[in-house]
């Protein structure tokens, strides 16, 4: 997934967010992890499904609905 840090990184929590409905649908289809391409820096990050389940948290983010957030410290930097 491609994300802009300005738009999808919640500084309040230091975490990347993903729509909970989308995450749930992907999980039901066999999601094993998420690779994130951060457009502003050009960095690529990865987080496993287990890491999301262990460390993610859900918060209501109006007007976008429920989001699952995973702290930046849980994402592995794959490269630039």
N, C-alpha and C. Protein backbone atom coordinates (compact mmCIF):
# COMPACT_ATOMS: atom_id res chain seq x y z
N UNK A 1 0.83 -1.16 0.00
CA UNK A 1 0.00 0.00 0.00
C UNK A 1 0.88 1.23 0.00
N UNK A 2 0.45 2.25 -0.69
CA UNK A 2 1.17 3.52 -0.74
C UNK A 2 0.51 4.49 0.22
N UNK A 3 1.29 5.14 1.06
CA UNK A 3 0.75 6.07 2.05
C UNK A 3 1.63 7.30 2.14
N UNK A 4 0.99 8.43 2.39
CA UNK A 4 1.69 9.66 2.69
C UNK A 4 1.71 9.81 4.20
N UNK A 5 2.88 10.06 4.76
CA UNK A 5 2.99 10.21 6.21
C UNK A 5 2.13 11.38 6.69
N UNK A 6 2.02 12.42 5.88
CA UNK A 6 1.23 13.58 6.26
C UNK A 6 -0.24 13.22 6.44
N UNK A 7 -0.71 12.22 5.70
CA UNK A 7 -2.13 11.88 5.70
C UNK A 7 -2.47 10.65 6.55
N UNK A 8 -1.58 9.67 6.64
CA UNK A 8 -1.91 8.39 7.25
C UNK A 8 -1.14 8.06 8.52
N UNK A 9 -0.28 8.96 8.96
CA UNK A 9 0.48 8.73 10.18
C UNK A 9 -0.11 9.60 11.27
N UNK A 10 -0.59 8.98 12.32
CA UNK A 10 -1.20 9.72 13.42
C UNK A 10 -0.12 10.07 14.45
N UNK A 11 0.31 11.31 14.40
CA UNK A 11 1.40 11.76 15.27
C UNK A 11 1.06 11.61 16.75
N UNK A 12 -0.20 11.79 17.09
CA UNK A 12 -0.64 11.67 18.49
C UNK A 12 -0.22 10.33 19.08
N UNK A 13 -0.28 9.27 18.27
CA UNK A 13 0.07 7.93 18.74
C UNK A 13 1.40 7.44 18.16
N UNK A 14 1.97 8.18 17.22
CA UNK A 14 3.19 7.70 16.55
C UNK A 14 2.92 6.41 15.80
N UNK A 15 1.78 6.36 15.09
CA UNK A 15 1.35 5.10 14.49
C UNK A 15 0.76 5.31 13.10
N UNK A 16 0.91 4.28 12.27
CA UNK A 16 0.28 4.24 10.96
C UNK A 16 -1.11 3.67 11.11
N UNK A 17 -2.07 4.22 10.35
CA UNK A 17 -3.45 3.77 10.43
C UNK A 17 -3.95 3.12 9.15
N UNK A 18 -4.86 2.19 9.32
CA UNK A 18 -5.50 1.49 8.22
C UNK A 18 -6.97 1.31 8.57
N UNK A 19 -7.83 1.50 7.59
CA UNK A 19 -9.26 1.31 7.80
C UNK A 19 -9.51 -0.09 8.35
N UNK A 20 -10.28 -0.18 9.44
CA UNK A 20 -10.52 -1.46 10.10
C UNK A 20 -11.31 -2.42 9.21
N UNK A 21 -12.29 -1.92 8.47
CA UNK A 21 -13.07 -2.78 7.58
C UNK A 21 -12.16 -3.40 6.51
N UNK A 22 -11.31 -2.58 5.91
CA UNK A 22 -10.37 -3.07 4.90
C UNK A 22 -9.43 -4.10 5.50
N UNK A 23 -8.88 -3.81 6.68
CA UNK A 23 -7.98 -4.75 7.35
C UNK A 23 -8.67 -6.08 7.61
N UNK A 24 -9.91 -6.04 8.09
CA UNK A 24 -10.66 -7.26 8.39
C UNK A 24 -10.89 -8.08 7.13
N UNK A 25 -11.26 -7.41 6.04
CA UNK A 25 -11.48 -8.12 4.77
C UNK A 25 -10.19 -8.76 4.27
N UNK A 26 -9.08 -8.04 4.36
CA UNK A 26 -7.80 -8.60 3.93
C UNK A 26 -7.38 -9.77 4.80
N UNK A 27 -7.63 -9.67 6.08
CA UNK A 27 -7.29 -10.76 7.01
C UNK A 27 -8.09 -12.02 6.66
N UNK A 28 -9.37 -11.85 6.34
CA UNK A 28 -10.22 -12.98 5.96
C UNK A 28 -9.74 -13.62 4.66
N UNK A 29 -9.04 -12.86 3.83
CA UNK A 29 -8.52 -13.38 2.56
C UNK A 29 -7.11 -13.95 2.68
N UNK A 30 -6.59 -14.01 3.91
CA UNK A 30 -5.30 -14.65 4.13
C UNK A 30 -4.12 -13.70 4.29
N UNK A 31 -4.39 -12.44 4.64
CA UNK A 31 -3.32 -11.47 4.86
C UNK A 31 -2.28 -12.02 5.84
N UNK A 32 -1.01 -11.90 5.48
CA UNK A 32 0.06 -12.32 6.39
C UNK A 32 0.87 -11.14 6.90
N UNK A 33 0.70 -9.99 6.26
CA UNK A 33 1.40 -8.79 6.67
C UNK A 33 1.11 -7.66 5.70
N UNK A 34 1.62 -6.49 6.02
CA UNK A 34 1.41 -5.31 5.19
C UNK A 34 2.76 -4.70 4.85
N UNK A 35 2.95 -4.44 3.58
CA UNK A 35 4.11 -3.68 3.12
C UNK A 35 3.64 -2.28 2.79
N UNK A 36 4.28 -1.30 3.38
CA UNK A 36 3.89 0.09 3.22
C UNK A 36 5.00 0.85 2.50
N UNK A 37 4.65 1.52 1.43
CA UNK A 37 5.58 2.37 0.69
C UNK A 37 5.26 3.82 1.06
N UNK A 38 6.12 4.44 1.82
CA UNK A 38 5.87 5.80 2.32
C UNK A 38 6.33 6.79 1.25
N UNK A 39 5.37 7.47 0.66
CA UNK A 39 5.62 8.32 -0.50
C UNK A 39 6.51 9.52 -0.20
N UNK A 40 6.41 10.09 0.97
CA UNK A 40 7.15 11.31 1.27
C UNK A 40 8.66 11.05 1.41
N UNK A 41 9.02 9.93 2.02
CA UNK A 41 10.44 9.64 2.25
C UNK A 41 11.00 8.63 1.26
N UNK A 42 10.13 7.84 0.64
CA UNK A 42 10.57 6.77 -0.24
C UNK A 42 10.91 5.49 0.51
N UNK A 43 10.70 5.46 1.82
CA UNK A 43 10.99 4.27 2.63
C UNK A 43 9.93 3.20 2.43
N UNK A 44 10.34 1.95 2.62
CA UNK A 44 9.44 0.81 2.57
C UNK A 44 9.48 0.12 3.92
N UNK A 45 8.30 -0.17 4.47
CA UNK A 45 8.17 -0.79 5.79
C UNK A 45 7.32 -2.04 5.69
N UNK A 46 7.50 -2.96 6.64
CA UNK A 46 6.69 -4.17 6.70
C UNK A 46 6.28 -4.43 8.15
N UNK A 47 5.03 -4.91 8.32
CA UNK A 47 4.56 -5.36 9.62
C UNK A 47 3.78 -6.65 9.40
N UNK A 48 4.04 -7.66 10.22
CA UNK A 48 3.37 -8.95 10.07
C UNK A 48 1.97 -8.90 10.69
N UNK A 49 1.13 -9.83 10.28
CA UNK A 49 -0.21 -9.93 10.84
C UNK A 49 -0.14 -10.13 12.35
N UNK A 50 0.74 -11.02 12.79
CA UNK A 50 0.86 -11.27 14.24
C UNK A 50 1.26 -10.00 14.99
N UNK A 51 2.13 -9.22 14.41
CA UNK A 51 2.55 -7.97 15.04
C UNK A 51 1.37 -6.99 15.11
N UNK A 52 0.57 -6.94 14.06
CA UNK A 52 -0.62 -6.08 14.07
C UNK A 52 -1.57 -6.51 15.17
N UNK A 53 -1.83 -7.83 15.25
CA UNK A 53 -2.77 -8.34 16.25
C UNK A 53 -2.25 -8.14 17.67
N UNK A 54 -0.94 -8.29 17.86
CA UNK A 54 -0.35 -8.14 19.20
C UNK A 54 -0.21 -6.69 19.64
N UNK A 55 0.05 -5.78 18.68
CA UNK A 55 0.40 -4.41 19.05
C UNK A 55 -0.51 -3.33 18.49
N UNK A 56 -1.42 -3.71 17.61
CA UNK A 56 -2.33 -2.74 17.03
C UNK A 56 -3.45 -2.36 17.99
N UNK A 57 -4.04 -1.22 17.76
CA UNK A 57 -5.18 -0.78 18.56
C UNK A 57 -6.16 -0.05 17.65
N UNK A 58 -7.42 -0.15 17.99
CA UNK A 58 -8.48 0.44 17.19
C UNK A 58 -8.94 1.74 17.84
N UNK A 59 -9.16 2.74 17.00
CA UNK A 59 -9.66 4.02 17.47
C UNK A 59 -10.61 4.57 16.41
N UNK A 60 -11.63 5.25 16.85
CA UNK A 60 -12.56 5.90 15.94
C UNK A 60 -11.92 7.19 15.45
N UNK A 61 -11.86 7.35 14.14
CA UNK A 61 -11.18 8.48 13.55
C UNK A 61 -12.13 9.19 12.59
N UNK A 62 -13.03 10.03 13.15
CA UNK A 62 -14.01 10.73 12.30
C UNK A 62 -13.32 11.62 11.27
N UNK A 63 -13.81 11.73 10.09
CA UNK A 63 -15.04 11.11 9.58
C UNK A 63 -14.77 9.78 8.89
N UNK A 64 -13.61 9.18 9.11
CA UNK A 64 -13.21 7.98 8.37
C UNK A 64 -13.61 6.67 9.03
N UNK A 65 -14.16 6.71 10.22
CA UNK A 65 -14.59 5.48 10.89
C UNK A 65 -13.47 4.86 11.71
N UNK A 66 -13.68 3.60 12.06
CA UNK A 66 -12.70 2.91 12.89
C UNK A 66 -11.45 2.58 12.08
N UNK A 67 -10.31 2.83 12.70
CA UNK A 67 -9.01 2.58 12.10
C UNK A 67 -8.23 1.68 13.04
N UNK A 68 -7.39 0.82 12.47
CA UNK A 68 -6.45 0.07 13.30
C UNK A 68 -5.09 0.74 13.14
N UNK A 69 -4.47 1.05 14.25
CA UNK A 69 -3.19 1.74 14.27
C UNK A 69 -2.10 0.82 14.81
N UNK A 70 -0.93 0.92 14.20
CA UNK A 70 0.24 0.16 14.65
C UNK A 70 1.39 1.14 14.79
N UNK A 71 1.95 1.19 16.00
CA UNK A 71 3.04 2.11 16.29
C UNK A 71 4.22 1.94 15.35
N UNK A 72 4.87 3.05 15.03
CA UNK A 72 6.00 3.04 14.09
C UNK A 72 7.10 2.09 14.53
N UNK A 73 7.26 1.89 15.82
CA UNK A 73 8.33 1.02 16.31
C UNK A 73 8.11 -0.44 15.96
N UNK A 74 6.91 -0.80 15.53
CA UNK A 74 6.60 -2.19 15.18
C UNK A 74 6.77 -2.49 13.69
N UNK A 75 7.06 -1.47 12.91
CA UNK A 75 7.26 -1.64 11.47
C UNK A 75 8.73 -1.83 11.19
N UNK A 76 9.06 -2.83 10.39
CA UNK A 76 10.45 -3.09 10.00
C UNK A 76 10.78 -2.28 8.75
N UNK A 77 11.86 -1.52 8.79
CA UNK A 77 12.32 -0.76 7.64
C UNK A 77 13.00 -1.73 6.66
N UNK A 78 12.44 -1.83 5.46
CA UNK A 78 13.01 -2.74 4.46
C UNK A 78 14.01 -2.04 3.56
N UNK A 79 13.87 -0.74 3.39
CA UNK A 79 14.81 -0.04 2.54
C UNK A 79 14.28 1.29 2.07
N UNK A 80 15.12 1.95 1.32
CA UNK A 80 14.78 3.28 0.80
C UNK A 80 14.86 3.26 -0.70
